[in-house]
mmCIF file of all heavy atoms, coordinates in Angstrom:
data_MODEL
# 
_entry.id   MODEL 
# 
loop_
_atom_site.group_PDB 
_atom_site.id 
_atom_site.type_symbol 
_atom_site.label_atom_id 
_atom_site.label_alt_id 
_atom_site.label_comp_id 
_atom_site.label_asym_id 
_atom_site.label_entity_id 
_atom_site.label_seq_id 
_atom_site.pdbx_PDB_ins_code 
_atom_site.Cartn_x 
_atom_site.Cartn_y 
_atom_site.Cartn_z 
_atom_site.occupancy 
_atom_site.B_iso_or_equiv 
_atom_site.pdbx_formal_charge 
_atom_site.auth_seq_id 
_atom_site.auth_comp_id 
_atom_site.auth_asym_id 
_atom_site.auth_atom_id 
_atom_site.pdbx_PDB_model_num 
ATOM 1   N N   . SER A 1 1  ? 0.866  -1.162  0.000  1.00 0.00 ? 1  SER A N   1 
ATOM 2   C CA  . SER A 1 1  ? 0.000  0.000   0.000  1.00 0.00 ? 1  SER A CA  1 
ATOM 3   C C   . SER A 1 1  ? 0.903  1.211   0.000  1.00 0.00 ? 1  SER A C   1 
ATOM 4   O O   . SER A 1 1  ? 2.120  1.108   0.023  1.00 0.00 ? 1  SER A O   1 
ATOM 5   C CB  . SER A 1 1  ? -0.901 -0.016  1.248  1.00 0.00 ? 1  SER A CB  1 
ATOM 6   O OG  . SER A 1 1  ? -0.111 0.175   2.402  1.00 0.00 ? 1  SER A OG  1 
ATOM 7   N N   . GLN A 1 2  ? 0.332  2.386   -0.010 1.00 0.00 ? 2  GLN A N   1 
ATOM 8   C CA  . GLN A 1 2  ? 1.141  3.598   -0.022 1.00 0.00 ? 2  GLN A CA  1 
ATOM 9   C C   . GLN A 1 2  ? 1.974  3.730   1.241  1.00 0.00 ? 2  GLN A C   1 
ATOM 10  O O   . GLN A 1 2  ? 3.006  4.382   1.236  1.00 0.00 ? 2  GLN A O   1 
ATOM 11  C CB  . GLN A 1 2  ? 0.221  4.814   -0.181 1.00 0.00 ? 2  GLN A CB  1 
ATOM 12  C CG  . GLN A 1 2  ? -0.435 4.883   -1.557 1.00 0.00 ? 2  GLN A CG  1 
ATOM 13  C CD  . GLN A 1 2  ? -1.303 6.109   -1.693 1.00 0.00 ? 2  GLN A CD  1 
ATOM 14  O OE1 . GLN A 1 2  ? -1.551 6.812   -0.716 1.00 0.00 ? 2  GLN A OE1 1 
ATOM 15  N NE2 . GLN A 1 2  ? -1.760 6.376   -2.904 1.00 0.00 ? 2  GLN A NE2 1 
ATOM 16  N N   . ALA A 1 3  ? 1.520  3.082   2.317  1.00 0.00 ? 3  ALA A N   1 
ATOM 17  C CA  . ALA A 1 3  ? 2.216  3.241   3.593  1.00 0.00 ? 3  ALA A CA  1 
ATOM 18  C C   . ALA A 1 3  ? 3.141  2.070   3.908  1.00 0.00 ? 3  ALA A C   1 
ATOM 19  O O   . ALA A 1 3  ? 3.845  2.111   4.890  1.00 0.00 ? 3  ALA A O   1 
ATOM 20  C CB  . ALA A 1 3  ? 1.193  3.400   4.721  1.00 0.00 ? 3  ALA A CB  1 
ATOM 21  N N   . GLN A 1 4  ? 3.131  1.032   3.068  1.00 0.00 ? 4  GLN A N   1 
ATOM 22  C CA  . GLN A 1 4  ? 3.862  -0.171  3.440  1.00 0.00 ? 4  GLN A CA  1 
ATOM 23  C C   . GLN A 1 4  ? 4.526  -0.793  2.225  1.00 0.00 ? 4  GLN A C   1 
ATOM 24  O O   . GLN A 1 4  ? 3.859  -1.156  1.267  1.00 0.00 ? 4  GLN A O   1 
ATOM 25  C CB  . GLN A 1 4  ? 2.888  -1.186  4.063  1.00 0.00 ? 4  GLN A CB  1 
ATOM 26  C CG  . GLN A 1 4  ? 3.535  -2.482  4.492  1.00 0.00 ? 4  GLN A CG  1 
ATOM 27  C CD  . GLN A 1 4  ? 4.411  -2.299  5.704  1.00 0.00 ? 4  GLN A CD  1 
ATOM 28  O OE1 . GLN A 1 4  ? 3.940  -1.863  6.735  1.00 0.00 ? 4  GLN A OE1 1 
ATOM 29  N NE2 . GLN A 1 4  ? 5.686  -2.601  5.577  1.00 0.00 ? 4  GLN A NE2 1 
ATOM 30  N N   . THR A 1 5  ? 5.847  -0.916  2.259  1.00 0.00 ? 5  THR A N   1 
ATOM 31  C CA  . THR A 1 5  ? 6.583  -1.590  1.199  1.00 0.00 ? 5  THR A CA  1 
ATOM 32  C C   . THR A 1 5  ? 7.375  -2.726  1.823  1.00 0.00 ? 5  THR A C   1 
ATOM 33  O O   . THR A 1 5  ? 8.373  -2.475  2.507  1.00 0.00 ? 5  THR A O   1 
ATOM 34  C CB  . THR A 1 5  ? 7.535  -0.632  0.479  1.00 0.00 ? 5  THR A CB  1 
ATOM 35  O OG1 . THR A 1 5  ? 6.799  0.463   -0.045 1.00 0.00 ? 5  THR A OG1 1 
ATOM 36  C CG2 . THR A 1 5  ? 8.251  -1.352  -0.658 1.00 0.00 ? 5  THR A CG2 1 
ATOM 37  N N   . PRO A 1 6  ? 6.972  -3.970  1.636  1.00 0.00 ? 6  PRO A N   1 
ATOM 38  C CA  . PRO A 1 6  ? 7.705  -5.079  2.250  1.00 0.00 ? 6  PRO A CA  1 
ATOM 39  C C   . PRO A 1 6  ? 9.048  -5.289  1.585  1.00 0.00 ? 6  PRO A C   1 
ATOM 40  O O   . PRO A 1 6  ? 9.199  -5.145  0.373  1.00 0.00 ? 6  PRO A O   1 
ATOM 41  C CB  . PRO A 1 6  ? 6.794  -6.277  2.025  1.00 0.00 ? 6  PRO A CB  1 
ATOM 42  C CG  . PRO A 1 6  ? 6.017  -5.918  0.819  1.00 0.00 ? 6  PRO A CG  1 
ATOM 43  C CD  . PRO A 1 6  ? 5.814  -4.441  0.861  1.00 0.00 ? 6  PRO A CD  1 
ATOM 44  N N   . SER A 1 7  ? 10.037 -5.607  2.377  1.00 0.00 ? 7  SER A N   1 
ATOM 45  C CA  . SER A 1 7  ? 11.350 -5.953  1.840  1.00 0.00 ? 7  SER A CA  1 
ATOM 46  C C   . SER A 1 7  ? 11.991 -6.982  2.751  1.00 0.00 ? 7  SER A C   1 
ATOM 47  O O   . SER A 1 7  ? 11.654 -7.081  3.924  1.00 0.00 ? 7  SER A O   1 
ATOM 48  C CB  . SER A 1 7  ? 12.247 -4.711  1.721  1.00 0.00 ? 7  SER A CB  1 
ATOM 49  O OG  . SER A 1 7  ? 12.497 -4.148  2.994  1.00 0.00 ? 7  SER A OG  1 
ATOM 50  N N   . PHE A 1 8  ? 12.887 -7.756  2.186  1.00 0.00 ? 8  PHE A N   1 
ATOM 51  C CA  . PHE A 1 8  ? 13.536 -8.827  2.922  1.00 0.00 ? 8  PHE A CA  1 
ATOM 52  C C   . PHE A 1 8  ? 15.030 -8.825  2.615  1.00 0.00 ? 8  PHE A C   1 
ATOM 53  O O   . PHE A 1 8  ? 15.437 -8.489  1.503  1.00 0.00 ? 8  PHE A O   1 
ATOM 54  C CB  . PHE A 1 8  ? 12.952 -10.188 2.513  1.00 0.00 ? 8  PHE A CB  1 
ATOM 55  C CG  . PHE A 1 8  ? 11.530 -10.403 2.944  1.00 0.00 ? 8  PHE A CG  1 
ATOM 56  C CD1 . PHE A 1 8  ? 10.483 -9.919  2.177  1.00 0.00 ? 8  PHE A CD1 1 
ATOM 57  C CD2 . PHE A 1 8  ? 11.249 -11.084 4.110  1.00 0.00 ? 8  PHE A CD2 1 
ATOM 58  C CE1 . PHE A 1 8  ? 9.173  -10.109 2.563  1.00 0.00 ? 8  PHE A CE1 1 
ATOM 59  C CE2 . PHE A 1 8  ? 9.941  -11.294 4.502  1.00 0.00 ? 8  PHE A CE2 1 
ATOM 60  C CZ  . PHE A 1 8  ? 8.896  -10.805 3.732  1.00 0.00 ? 8  PHE A CZ  1 
ATOM 61  N N   . LYS A 1 9  ? 15.820 -9.192  3.609  1.00 0.00 ? 9  LYS A N   1 
ATOM 62  C CA  . LYS A 1 9  ? 17.232 -9.490  3.400  1.00 0.00 ? 9  LYS A CA  1 
ATOM 63  C C   . LYS A 1 9  ? 17.387 -10.991 3.292  1.00 0.00 ? 9  LYS A C   1 
ATOM 64  O O   . LYS A 1 9  ? 16.936 -11.737 4.146  1.00 0.00 ? 9  LYS A O   1 
ATOM 65  C CB  . LYS A 1 9  ? 18.086 -8.991  4.568  1.00 0.00 ? 9  LYS A CB  1 
ATOM 66  C CG  . LYS A 1 9  ? 18.343 -7.505  4.612  1.00 0.00 ? 9  LYS A CG  1 
ATOM 67  C CD  . LYS A 1 9  ? 19.261 -7.183  5.781  1.00 0.00 ? 9  LYS A CD  1 
ATOM 68  C CE  . LYS A 1 9  ? 19.584 -5.694  5.853  1.00 0.00 ? 9  LYS A CE  1 
ATOM 69  N NZ  . LYS A 1 9  ? 20.471 -5.408  7.017  1.00 0.00 ? 9  LYS A NZ  1 
ATOM 70  N N   . GLU A 1 10 ? 18.065 -11.420 2.256  1.00 0.00 ? 10 GLU A N   1 
ATOM 71  C CA  . GLU A 1 10 ? 18.271 -12.839 2.007  1.00 0.00 ? 10 GLU A CA  1 
ATOM 72  C C   . GLU A 1 10 ? 19.608 -13.280 2.581  1.00 0.00 ? 10 GLU A C   1 
ATOM 73  O O   . GLU A 1 10 ? 20.641 -12.675 2.285  1.00 0.00 ? 10 GLU A O   1 
ATOM 74  C CB  . GLU A 1 10 ? 18.228 -13.093 0.506  1.00 0.00 ? 10 GLU A CB  1 
ATOM 75  C CG  . GLU A 1 10 ? 18.550 -14.508 0.102  1.00 0.00 ? 10 GLU A CG  1 
ATOM 76  C CD  . GLU A 1 10 ? 18.677 -14.614 -1.404 1.00 0.00 ? 10 GLU A CD  1 
ATOM 77  O OE1 . GLU A 1 10 ? 17.702 -14.302 -2.120 1.00 0.00 ? 10 GLU A OE1 1 
ATOM 78  O OE2 . GLU A 1 10 ? 19.772 -15.016 -1.866 1.00 0.00 ? 10 GLU A OE2 1 
ATOM 79  N N   . GLN A 1 11 ? 19.599 -14.321 3.412  1.00 0.00 ? 11 GLN A N   1 
ATOM 80  C CA  . GLN A 1 11 ? 20.830 -14.870 3.959  1.00 0.00 ? 11 GLN A CA  1 
ATOM 81  C C   . GLN A 1 11 ? 20.815 -16.380 3.820  1.00 0.00 ? 11 GLN A C   1 
ATOM 82  O O   . GLN A 1 11 ? 19.944 -17.058 4.378  1.00 0.00 ? 11 GLN A O   1 
ATOM 83  C CB  . GLN A 1 11 ? 21.005 -14.500 5.434  1.00 0.00 ? 11 GLN A CB  1 
ATOM 84  C CG  . GLN A 1 11 ? 22.299 -15.039 6.038  1.00 0.00 ? 11 GLN A CG  1 
ATOM 85  C CD  . GLN A 1 11 ? 22.460 -14.715 7.512  1.00 0.00 ? 11 GLN A CD  1 
ATOM 86  O OE1 . GLN A 1 11 ? 21.569 -14.126 8.122  1.00 0.00 ? 11 GLN A OE1 1 
ATOM 87  N NE2 . GLN A 1 11 ? 23.582 -15.094 8.079  1.00 0.00 ? 11 GLN A NE2 1 
ATOM 88  N N   . GLN A 1 12 ? 21.777 -16.897 3.085  1.00 0.00 ? 12 GLN A N   1 
ATOM 89  C CA  . GLN A 1 12 ? 21.918 -18.344 2.986  1.00 0.00 ? 12 GLN A CA  1 
ATOM 90  C C   . GLN A 1 12 ? 22.752 -18.837 4.161  1.00 0.00 ? 12 GLN A C   1 
ATOM 91  O O   . GLN A 1 12 ? 23.885 -18.423 4.337  1.00 0.00 ? 12 GLN A O   1 
ATOM 92  C CB  . GLN A 1 12 ? 22.578 -18.733 1.670  1.00 0.00 ? 12 GLN A CB  1 
ATOM 93  C CG  . GLN A 1 12 ? 22.751 -20.235 1.501  1.00 0.00 ? 12 GLN A CG  1 
ATOM 94  C CD  . GLN A 1 12 ? 23.071 -20.627 0.074  1.00 0.00 ? 12 GLN A CD  1 
ATOM 95  O OE1 . GLN A 1 12 ? 22.226 -20.569 -0.795 1.00 0.00 ? 12 GLN A OE1 1 
ATOM 96  N NE2 . GLN A 1 12 ? 24.325 -21.021 -0.167 1.00 0.00 ? 12 GLN A NE2 1 
ATOM 97  N N   . ILE A 1 13 ? 22.191 -19.727 4.957  1.00 0.00 ? 13 ILE A N   1 
ATOM 98  C CA  . ILE A 1 13 ? 22.914 -20.232 6.124  1.00 0.00 ? 13 ILE A CA  1 
ATOM 99  C C   . ILE A 1 13 ? 23.490 -21.622 5.895  1.00 0.00 ? 13 ILE A C   1 
ATOM 100 O O   . ILE A 1 13 ? 24.291 -22.101 6.701  1.00 0.00 ? 13 ILE A O   1 
ATOM 101 C CB  . ILE A 1 13 ? 22.040 -20.221 7.396  1.00 0.00 ? 13 ILE A CB  1 
ATOM 102 C CG1 . ILE A 1 13 ? 20.834 -21.150 7.259  1.00 0.00 ? 13 ILE A CG1 1 
ATOM 103 C CG2 . ILE A 1 13 ? 21.602 -18.792 7.722  1.00 0.00 ? 13 ILE A CG2 1 
ATOM 104 C CD1 . ILE A 1 13 ? 20.080 -21.364 8.561  1.00 0.00 ? 13 ILE A CD1 1 
ATOM 105 N N   . ASP A 1 14 ? 23.081 -22.269 4.812  1.00 0.00 ? 14 ASP A N   1 
ATOM 106 C CA  . ASP A 1 14 ? 23.636 -23.583 4.486  1.00 0.00 ? 14 ASP A CA  1 
ATOM 107 C C   . ASP A 1 14 ? 23.498 -23.786 2.980  1.00 0.00 ? 14 ASP A C   1 
ATOM 108 O O   . ASP A 1 14 ? 22.400 -23.650 2.438  1.00 0.00 ? 14 ASP A O   1 
ATOM 109 C CB  . ASP A 1 14 ? 22.895 -24.691 5.241  1.00 0.00 ? 14 ASP A CB  1 
ATOM 110 C CG  . ASP A 1 14 ? 23.630 -26.030 5.209  1.00 0.00 ? 14 ASP A CG  1 
ATOM 111 O OD1 . ASP A 1 14 ? 24.567 -26.175 4.389  1.00 0.00 ? 14 ASP A OD1 1 
ATOM 112 O OD2 . ASP A 1 14 ? 23.267 -26.926 5.992  1.00 0.00 ? 14 ASP A OD2 1 
ATOM 113 N N   . GLY A 1 15 ? 24.603 -24.086 2.323  1.00 0.00 ? 15 GLY A N   1 
ATOM 114 C CA  . GLY A 1 15 ? 24.592 -24.347 0.898  1.00 0.00 ? 15 GLY A CA  1 
ATOM 115 C C   . GLY A 1 15 ? 24.974 -25.765 0.561  1.00 0.00 ? 15 GLY A C   1 
ATOM 116 O O   . GLY A 1 15 ? 25.295 -26.065 -0.589 1.00 0.00 ? 15 GLY A O   1 
ATOM 117 N N   . GLU A 1 16 ? 24.940 -26.658 1.563  1.00 0.00 ? 16 GLU A N   1 
ATOM 118 C CA  . GLU A 1 16 ? 25.357 -28.039 1.356  1.00 0.00 ? 16 GLU A CA  1 
ATOM 119 C C   . GLU A 1 16 ? 24.285 -29.014 1.842  1.00 0.00 ? 16 GLU A C   1 
ATOM 120 O O   . GLU A 1 16 ? 24.557 -30.016 2.486  1.00 0.00 ? 16 GLU A O   1 
ATOM 121 C CB  . GLU A 1 16 ? 26.680 -28.302 2.074  1.00 0.00 ? 16 GLU A CB  1 
ATOM 122 C CG  . GLU A 1 16 ? 27.835 -27.457 1.533  1.00 0.00 ? 16 GLU A CG  1 
ATOM 123 C CD  . GLU A 1 16 ? 29.137 -27.717 2.265  1.00 0.00 ? 16 GLU A CD  1 
ATOM 124 O OE1 . GLU A 1 16 ? 29.084 -28.167 3.426  1.00 0.00 ? 16 GLU A OE1 1 
ATOM 125 O OE2 . GLU A 1 16 ? 30.206 -27.471 1.673  1.00 0.00 ? 16 GLU A OE2 1 
ATOM 126 N N   . VAL A 1 17 ? 23.036 -28.718 1.510  1.00 0.00 ? 17 VAL A N   1 
ATOM 127 C CA  . VAL A 1 17 ? 21.907 -29.558 1.906  1.00 0.00 ? 17 VAL A CA  1 
ATOM 128 C C   . VAL A 1 17 ? 21.762 -30.706 0.918  1.00 0.00 ? 17 VAL A C   1 
ATOM 129 O O   . VAL A 1 17 ? 21.966 -30.527 -0.290 1.00 0.00 ? 17 VAL A O   1 
ATOM 130 C CB  . VAL A 1 17 ? 20.619 -28.700 1.958  1.00 0.00 ? 17 VAL A CB  1 
ATOM 131 C CG1 . VAL A 1 17 ? 19.386 -29.574 2.133  1.00 0.00 ? 17 VAL A CG1 1 
ATOM 132 C CG2 . VAL A 1 17 ? 20.727 -27.672 3.070  1.00 0.00 ? 17 VAL A CG2 1 
ATOM 133 N N   . GLY A 1 18 ? 21.412 -31.888 1.413  1.00 0.00 ? 18 GLY A N   1 
ATOM 134 C CA  . GLY A 1 18 ? 21.141 -33.014 0.527  1.00 0.00 ? 18 GLY A CA  1 
ATOM 135 C C   . GLY A 1 18 ? 19.796 -32.831 -0.149 1.00 0.00 ? 18 GLY A C   1 
ATOM 136 O O   . GLY A 1 18 ? 19.696 -32.432 -1.308 1.00 0.00 ? 18 GLY A O   1 
ATOM 137 N N   . ILE A 1 19 ? 18.727 -33.113 0.584  1.00 0.00 ? 19 ILE A N   1 
ATOM 138 C CA  . ILE A 1 19 ? 17.359 -32.790 0.175  1.00 0.00 ? 19 ILE A CA  1 
ATOM 139 C C   . ILE A 1 19 ? 16.691 -32.188 1.402  1.00 0.00 ? 19 ILE A C   1 
ATOM 140 O O   . ILE A 1 19 ? 16.501 -32.884 2.400  1.00 0.00 ? 19 ILE A O   1 
ATOM 141 C CB  . ILE A 1 19 ? 16.581 -34.036 -0.284 1.00 0.00 ? 19 ILE A CB  1 
ATOM 142 C CG1 . ILE A 1 19 ? 17.248 -34.657 -1.504 1.00 0.00 ? 19 ILE A CG1 1 
ATOM 143 C CG2 . ILE A 1 19 ? 15.133 -33.671 -0.596 1.00 0.00 ? 19 ILE A CG2 1 
ATOM 144 C CD1 . ILE A 1 19 ? 16.612 -35.970 -1.938 1.00 0.00 ? 19 ILE A CD1 1 
ATOM 145 N N   . GLY A 1 20 ? 16.348 -30.935 1.348  1.00 0.00 ? 20 GLY A N   1 
ATOM 146 C CA  . GLY A 1 20 ? 15.787 -30.264 2.522  1.00 0.00 ? 20 GLY A CA  1 
ATOM 147 C C   . GLY A 1 20 ? 14.334 -30.623 2.730  1.00 0.00 ? 20 GLY A C   1 
ATOM 148 O O   . GLY A 1 20 ? 13.433 -29.796 2.559  1.00 0.00 ? 20 GLY A O   1 
ATOM 149 N N   . TYR A 1 21 ? 14.080 -31.861 3.130  1.00 0.00 ? 21 TYR A N   1 
ATOM 150 C CA  . TYR A 1 21 ? 12.713 -32.380 3.174  1.00 0.00 ? 21 TYR A CA  1 
ATOM 151 C C   . TYR A 1 21 ? 11.776 -31.580 4.079  1.00 0.00 ? 21 TYR A C   1 
ATOM 152 O O   . TYR A 1 21 ? 10.660 -31.250 3.690  1.00 0.00 ? 21 TYR A O   1 
ATOM 153 C CB  . TYR A 1 21 ? 12.725 -33.838 3.663  1.00 0.00 ? 21 TYR A CB  1 
ATOM 154 C CG  . TYR A 1 21 ? 13.076 -34.862 2.634  1.00 0.00 ? 21 TYR A CG  1 
ATOM 155 C CD1 . TYR A 1 21 ? 14.296 -35.526 2.671  1.00 0.00 ? 21 TYR A CD1 1 
ATOM 156 C CD2 . TYR A 1 21 ? 12.185 -35.198 1.627  1.00 0.00 ? 21 TYR A CD2 1 
ATOM 157 C CE1 . TYR A 1 21 ? 14.624 -36.496 1.738  1.00 0.00 ? 21 TYR A CE1 1 
ATOM 158 C CE2 . TYR A 1 21 ? 12.496 -36.172 0.681  1.00 0.00 ? 21 TYR A CE2 1 
ATOM 159 C CZ  . TYR A 1 21 ? 13.712 -36.820 0.743  1.00 0.00 ? 21 TYR A CZ  1 
ATOM 160 O OH  . TYR A 1 21 ? 14.032 -37.783 -0.185 1.00 0.00 ? 21 TYR A OH  1 
ATOM 161 N N   . GLY A 1 22 ? 12.206 -31.290 5.305  1.00 0.00 ? 22 GLY A N   1 
ATOM 162 C CA  . GLY A 1 22 ? 11.275 -30.688 6.254  1.00 0.00 ? 22 GLY A CA  1 
ATOM 163 C C   . GLY A 1 22 ? 11.943 -29.730 7.207  1.00 0.00 ? 22 GLY A C   1 
ATOM 164 O O   . GLY A 1 22 ? 13.027 -30.000 7.730  1.00 0.00 ? 22 GLY A O   1 
ATOM 165 N N   . LEU A 1 23 ? 11.291 -28.591 7.452  1.00 0.00 ? 23 LEU A N   1 
ATOM 166 C CA  . LEU A 1 23 ? 11.772 -27.569 8.378  1.00 0.00 ? 23 LEU A CA  1 
ATOM 167 C C   . LEU A 1 23 ? 10.891 -27.503 9.615  1.00 0.00 ? 23 LEU A C   1 
ATOM 168 O O   . LEU A 1 23 ? 9.704  -27.821 9.572  1.00 0.00 ? 23 LEU A O   1 
ATOM 169 C CB  . LEU A 1 23 ? 11.757 -26.196 7.707  1.00 0.00 ? 23 LEU A CB  1 
ATOM 170 C CG  . LEU A 1 23 ? 12.827 -25.875 6.671  1.00 0.00 ? 23 LEU A CG  1 
ATOM 171 C CD1 . LEU A 1 23 ? 12.457 -24.609 5.920  1.00 0.00 ? 23 LEU A CD1 1 
ATOM 172 C CD2 . LEU A 1 23 ? 14.190 -25.716 7.335  1.00 0.00 ? 23 LEU A CD2 1 
ATOM 173 N N   . ALA A 1 24 ? 11.475 -27.026 10.708 1.00 0.00 ? 24 ALA A N   1 
ATOM 174 C CA  . ALA A 1 24 ? 10.724 -26.675 11.908 1.00 0.00 ? 24 ALA A CA  1 
ATOM 175 C C   . ALA A 1 24 ? 11.448 -25.522 12.591 1.00 0.00 ? 24 ALA A C   1 
ATOM 176 O O   . ALA A 1 24 ? 12.648 -25.298 12.356 1.00 0.00 ? 24 ALA A O   1 
ATOM 177 C CB  . ALA A 1 24 ? 10.605 -27.870 12.859 1.00 0.00 ? 24 ALA A CB  1 
ATOM 178 N N   . VAL A 1 25 ? 10.751 -24.782 13.419 1.00 0.00 ? 25 VAL A N   1 
ATOM 179 C CA  . VAL A 1 25 ? 11.354 -23.704 14.201 1.00 0.00 ? 25 VAL A CA  1 
ATOM 180 C C   . VAL A 1 25 ? 10.944 -23.874 15.660 1.00 0.00 ? 25 VAL A C   1 
ATOM 181 O O   . VAL A 1 25 ? 9.774  -24.106 15.966 1.00 0.00 ? 25 VAL A O   1 
ATOM 182 C CB  . VAL A 1 25 ? 10.934 -22.313 13.667 1.00 0.00 ? 25 VAL A CB  1 
ATOM 183 C CG1 . VAL A 1 25 ? 11.692 -21.977 12.399 1.00 0.00 ? 25 VAL A CG1 1 
ATOM 184 C CG2 . VAL A 1 25 ? 9.426  -22.228 13.405 1.00 0.00 ? 25 VAL A CG2 1 
ATOM 185 N N   . ALA A 1 26 ? 11.919 -23.779 16.552 1.00 0.00 ? 26 ALA A N   1 
ATOM 186 C CA  . ALA A 1 26 ? 11.673 -23.941 17.979 1.00 0.00 ? 26 ALA A CA  1 
ATOM 187 C C   . ALA A 1 26 ? 12.946 -23.559 18.727 1.00 0.00 ? 26 ALA A C   1 
ATOM 188 O O   . ALA A 1 26 ? 14.027 -23.469 18.140 1.00 0.00 ? 26 ALA A O   1 
ATOM 189 C CB  . ALA A 1 26 ? 11.283 -25.383 18.318 1.00 0.00 ? 26 ALA A CB  1 
ATOM 190 N N   . ASP A 1 27 ? 12.813 -23.349 20.032 1.00 0.00 ? 27 ASP A N   1 
ATOM 191 C CA  . ASP A 1 27 ? 13.980 -23.111 20.884 1.00 0.00 ? 27 ASP A CA  1 
ATOM 192 C C   . ASP A 1 27 ? 14.533 -24.469 21.296 1.00 0.00 ? 27 ASP A C   1 
ATOM 193 O O   . ASP A 1 27 ? 13.920 -25.188 22.085 1.00 0.00 ? 27 ASP A O   1 
ATOM 194 C CB  . ASP A 1 27 ? 13.566 -22.291 22.107 1.00 0.00 ? 27 ASP A CB  1 
ATOM 195 C CG  . ASP A 1 27 ? 14.752 -21.905 22.983 1.00 0.00 ? 27 ASP A CG  1 
ATOM 196 O OD1 . ASP A 1 27 ? 15.865 -22.405 22.759 1.00 0.00 ? 27 ASP A OD1 1 
ATOM 197 O OD2 . ASP A 1 27 ? 14.548 -21.094 23.915 1.00 0.00 ? 27 ASP A OD2 1 
# 
């Protein structure tokens, strides 16, 4: 909208994945 422009910074944290089947996020 006029008041909001989304933007993201891209960071690759691993470039040696076999097949990244499934992700989860937790402490």
